[in-house]
Amino acid sequence: MAIQVDTRDCAALSDADLDEMASMGGAFDIGSVSKAKEDWVLSTAARVDGVLHGFMFSTLERIGGTPCVLLGMLSVKRSSKRDQVLKSLMAQAYHRALMAFPDEDVVVGTRFVRPDGLEAFKSLTELIPRPAHRAVGEERAWGRRLAKRFGVDATYDEQTFVAKTNGQSGFLDHETLKPEKISPEVAAQFATVNAKKGGVLVVHGWTMAENLVKLGAR
């Protein structure tokens, strides 16, 4: 069953579009998606037989001259198609990045509240944070830059990459079909993320130019 993916400027979203997103069954209500429309540039919808199964708010921009894909909010419906929907949304993000930043290495960043969502970043390299890796100065600097861009720097801890509170205006909302495949080391990175208080883990990774050509291919 084919997944239809469409990207529009956020300014083109109607109230009906926002209601559809809020009613999809993910983590975000109408207030959250309405704010995302104002905060981000691009809106992507993934449909199966015309029914919304996932959406994403994102932007492509440069931070300090470095090209970035920033995922402000992404949500996938809890259906049997969820893995394919997540893959389709990420493929669209990579395609847009390839069109905007050909022949350049690109940073991809977002917020997470649970380890399931890290499945979206499995094609990236040098993921920060990651198990058994001690982040160095520039890697921590990127964490700070992204925390500021996401508006969570007030409670952000650069040692753990965790914003302790008020970080959930948007994040990558996905529940895996195979939780048993999440390693204890990856899950441990979320030990200090208090989701009930709005905590999030800020994660970024790189896609090298030669890999982006493959990830963003149509």
Protein backbone atom coordinates (compact mmCIF):
# COMPACT_ATOMS: atom_id res chain seq x y z
CA MET A 1 0.00 0.00 0.00
CA ALA A 2 1.61 3.23 -1.20
CA ILE A 3 2.14 6.16 1.14
CA GLN A 4 1.42 9.57 -0.37
CA VAL A 5 3.65 12.35 0.95
CA ASP A 6 3.05 16.05 0.33
CA THR A 7 4.91 19.12 1.57
CA ARG A 8 3.50 22.64 1.71
CA ASP A 9 4.42 25.96 3.25
CA CYS A 10 2.98 26.18 6.75
CA ALA A 11 1.27 29.43 5.79
CA ALA A 12 -0.93 27.44 3.40
CA LEU A 13 -2.37 25.21 6.15
CA SER A 14 -6.06 25.66 6.86
CA ASP A 15 -7.90 25.22 10.14
CA ALA A 16 -9.22 21.92 8.74
CA ASP A 17 -5.63 20.73 8.14
CA LEU A 18 -4.69 21.54 11.73
CA ASP A 19 -7.80 19.83 13.08
CA GLU A 20 -6.94 16.72 11.07
CA MET A 21 -3.44 16.63 12.56
CA ALA A 22 -4.69 17.13 16.10
CA SER A 23 -7.29 14.38 15.61
CA MET A 24 -4.85 11.85 14.16
CA GLY A 25 -4.15 10.24 17.53
CA GLY A 26 -0.56 11.29 18.24
CA ALA A 27 0.93 13.32 21.08
CA PHE A 28 -0.12 16.80 19.93
CA ASP A 29 -3.35 18.73 20.43
CA ILE A 30 -4.75 21.59 18.39
CA GLY A 31 -2.88 24.20 20.39
CA SER A 32 0.46 22.49 19.75
CA VAL A 33 -0.02 22.06 16.01
CA SER A 34 -1.33 25.62 15.66
CA LYS A 35 1.84 26.91 17.35
CA ALA A 36 3.98 24.68 15.12
CA LYS A 37 2.35 26.28 12.08
CA GLU A 38 3.58 29.66 13.32
CA ASP A 39 7.05 28.47 14.36
CA TRP A 40 8.13 26.43 11.35
CA VAL A 41 8.30 26.83 7.57
CA LEU A 42 7.36 23.50 5.98
CA SER A 43 4.54 21.08 6.72
CA THR A 44 4.60 17.51 5.42
CA ALA A 45 1.69 15.07 5.51
CA ALA A 46 1.86 11.31 4.93
CA ARG A 47 -1.38 9.58 3.92
CA VAL A 48 -2.48 6.00 3.32
CA ASP A 49 -5.56 5.77 1.09
CA GLY A 50 -6.24 9.42 1.78
CA VAL A 51 -6.13 9.05 5.56
CA LEU A 52 -3.52 11.00 7.54
CA HIS A 53 -0.95 8.67 9.13
CA GLY A 54 1.83 11.13 9.93
CA PHE A 55 2.87 14.76 9.75
CA MET A 56 5.99 16.84 10.19
CA PHE A 57 6.82 20.51 10.73
CA SER A 58 10.35 21.43 9.71
CA THR A 59 12.66 24.04 8.31
CA LEU A 60 15.85 24.12 6.27
CA GLU A 61 18.27 26.81 7.36
CA ARG A 62 21.87 27.58 8.09
CA ILE A 63 23.20 27.89 11.62
CA GLY A 64 26.58 29.58 11.65
CA GLY A 65 26.83 28.85 7.94
CA THR A 66 26.19 25.11 8.35
CA PRO A 67 23.15 23.70 6.52
CA CYS A 68 20.60 22.17 8.88
CA VAL A 69 17.37 20.20 8.76
CA LEU A 70 15.40 21.08 11.89
CA LEU A 71 12.45 18.88 12.74
CA GLY A 72 10.26 20.99 14.97
CA MET A 73 7.46 18.45 15.31
CA LEU A 74 6.88 15.00 13.83
CA SER A 75 4.10 12.60 14.73
CA VAL A 76 3.24 9.12 13.45
CA LYS A 77 -0.12 7.41 13.93
CA ARG A 78 0.00 4.23 16.02
CA SER A 79 -0.88 1.88 13.19
CA SER A 80 0.70 -1.17 11.59
CA LYS A 81 2.09 1.18 8.93
CA ARG A 82 3.96 3.39 11.39
CA ASP A 83 7.48 2.30 10.43
CA GLN A 84 6.86 2.93 6.73
CA VAL A 85 5.24 6.27 7.49
CA LEU A 86 8.23 7.40 9.56
CA LYS A 87 10.59 6.32 6.78
CA SER A 88 8.52 8.23 4.21
CA LEU A 89 8.54 11.43 6.27
CA MET A 90 12.29 11.25 6.76
CA ALA A 91 12.83 10.53 3.06
CA GLN A 92 10.91 13.71 2.27
CA ALA A 93 13.06 15.68 4.71
CA TYR A 94 16.24 14.33 3.10
CA HIS A 95 14.94 15.09 -0.39
CA ARG A 96 14.22 18.68 0.56
CA ALA A 97 17.69 18.95 2.10
CA LEU A 98 19.29 17.58 -1.05
CA MET A 99 17.48 20.16 -3.17
CA ALA A 100 18.43 23.01 -0.83
CA PHE A 101 21.99 21.98 0.03
CA PRO A 102 23.48 19.94 -2.86
CA ASP A 103 27.09 18.85 -2.35
CA GLU A 104 27.11 19.82 1.36
CA ASP A 105 27.20 17.92 4.63
CA VAL A 106 24.02 18.58 6.62
CA VAL A 107 23.14 18.55 10.34
CA VAL A 108 19.77 17.02 11.25
CA GLY A 109 18.35 17.76 14.68
CA THR A 110 15.21 17.38 16.77
CA ARG A 111 13.89 16.61 20.25
CA PHE A 112 12.89 13.21 21.67
CA VAL A 113 10.99 12.08 24.76
CA ARG A 114 11.54 8.33 24.31
CA PRO A 115 14.12 6.14 22.54
CA ASP A 116 11.65 4.77 19.97
CA GLY A 117 11.96 7.88 17.83
CA LEU A 118 15.70 7.48 17.33
CA GLU A 119 14.79 4.98 14.64
CA ALA A 120 14.27 8.05 12.44
CA PHE A 121 17.97 8.92 12.71
CA LYS A 122 19.38 5.48 11.91
CA SER A 123 20.80 6.71 8.57
CA LEU A 124 22.79 9.54 10.17
CA THR A 125 26.42 9.40 11.26
CA GLU A 126 28.12 10.83 14.35
CA LEU A 127 24.85 10.88 16.30
CA ILE A 128 25.12 13.05 19.42
CA PRO A 129 24.52 11.94 22.09
CA ARG A 130 25.11 8.21 21.59
CA PRO A 131 26.09 5.36 23.92
CA ALA A 132 29.77 4.89 24.84
CA HIS A 133 30.74 8.23 23.30
CA ARG A 134 32.00 11.21 25.27
CA ALA A 135 30.94 14.33 23.41
CA VAL A 136 33.68 16.86 22.69
CA GLY A 137 33.50 20.65 22.62
CA GLU A 138 32.10 21.18 19.14
CA GLU A 139 29.54 18.41 19.59
CA ARG A 140 28.35 20.04 22.81
CA ALA A 141 28.30 23.39 21.04
CA TRP A 142 25.90 21.98 18.48
CA GLY A 143 23.68 20.76 21.29
CA ARG A 144 23.56 24.29 22.71
CA ARG A 145 22.85 25.83 19.31
CA LEU A 146 19.97 23.47 18.69
CA ALA A 147 18.55 23.87 22.19
CA LYS A 148 18.49 27.62 21.61
CA ARG A 149 16.89 27.22 18.18
CA PHE A 150 14.20 24.96 19.65
CA GLY A 151 13.62 27.47 22.45
CA VAL A 152 14.54 25.06 25.26
CA ASP A 153 17.90 26.55 26.28
CA ALA A 154 16.58 27.91 29.60
CA THR A 155 16.53 24.43 31.16
CA TYR A 156 19.07 22.73 28.89
CA ASP A 157 22.02 20.79 30.36
CA GLU A 158 24.89 20.53 27.87
CA GLN A 159 26.39 17.56 29.72
CA THR A 160 23.33 15.34 29.26
CA PHE A 161 21.76 17.07 26.21
CA VAL A 162 18.51 17.16 28.21
CA ALA A 163 16.14 20.09 28.55
CA LYS A 164 14.60 19.31 31.91
CA THR A 165 11.27 21.15 31.58
CA ASN A 166 9.10 23.02 29.09
CA GLY A 167 10.68 21.33 26.08
CA GLN A 168 7.70 19.64 24.49
CA SER A 169 6.31 22.36 22.23
CA GLY A 170 7.42 19.87 19.58
CA PHE A 171 9.38 16.62 19.35
CA LEU A 172 9.59 13.41 17.30
CA ASP A 173 6.56 11.40 18.39
CA HIS A 174 6.89 7.76 17.33
CA GLU A 175 6.28 4.45 19.08
CA THR A 176 8.15 1.50 17.61
CA LEU A 177 6.49 -1.77 16.70
CA LYS A 178 9.53 -3.60 18.07
CA PRO A 179 10.41 -2.14 21.50
CA GLU A 180 12.42 -5.26 22.32
CA LYS A 181 15.01 -4.13 19.77
CA ILE A 182 15.82 -0.92 21.66
CA SER A 183 19.16 -1.52 23.33
CA PRO A 184 19.51 -0.87 27.09
CA GLU A 185 22.36 1.56 26.29
CA VAL A 186 20.15 3.67 24.06
CA ALA A 187 17.27 3.58 26.53
CA ALA A 188 19.66 4.68 29.30
CA GLN A 189 20.16 8.02 27.55
CA PHE A 190 16.58 8.87 28.51
CA ALA A 191 17.02 8.08 32.21
CA THR A 192 16.98 11.77 33.16
CA VAL A 193 14.26 12.81 30.69
CA ASN A 194 11.18 13.54 32.79
CA ALA A 195 8.44 13.53 30.17
CA LYS A 196 5.77 14.48 32.73
CA LYS A 197 7.59 17.75 33.35
CA GLY A 198 8.12 18.45 29.66
CA GLY A 199 11.65 17.05 29.46
CA VAL A 200 13.28 16.23 26.12
CA LEU A 201 16.58 14.93 24.78
CA VAL A 202 18.10 17.13 22.05
CA VAL A 203 19.76 14.92 19.42
CA HIS A 204 21.59 15.71 16.22
CA GLY A 205 23.54 13.83 13.60
CA TRP A 206 25.18 14.36 10.25
CA THR A 207 24.46 13.18 6.77
CA MET A 208 27.49 13.52 4.53
CA ALA A 209 26.94 14.95 1.05
CA GLU A 210 27.50 11.62 -0.69
CA ASN A 211 25.02 9.87 1.60
CA LEU A 212 22.43 12.63 1.24
CA VAL A 213 22.39 11.97 -2.51
CA LYS A 214 21.16 8.45 -1.74
CA LEU A 215 18.82 9.37 1.11
CA GLY A 216 17.19 12.19 -0.85
CA ALA A 217 16.91 10.40 -4.19
CA ARG A 218 13.55 10.15 -5.93
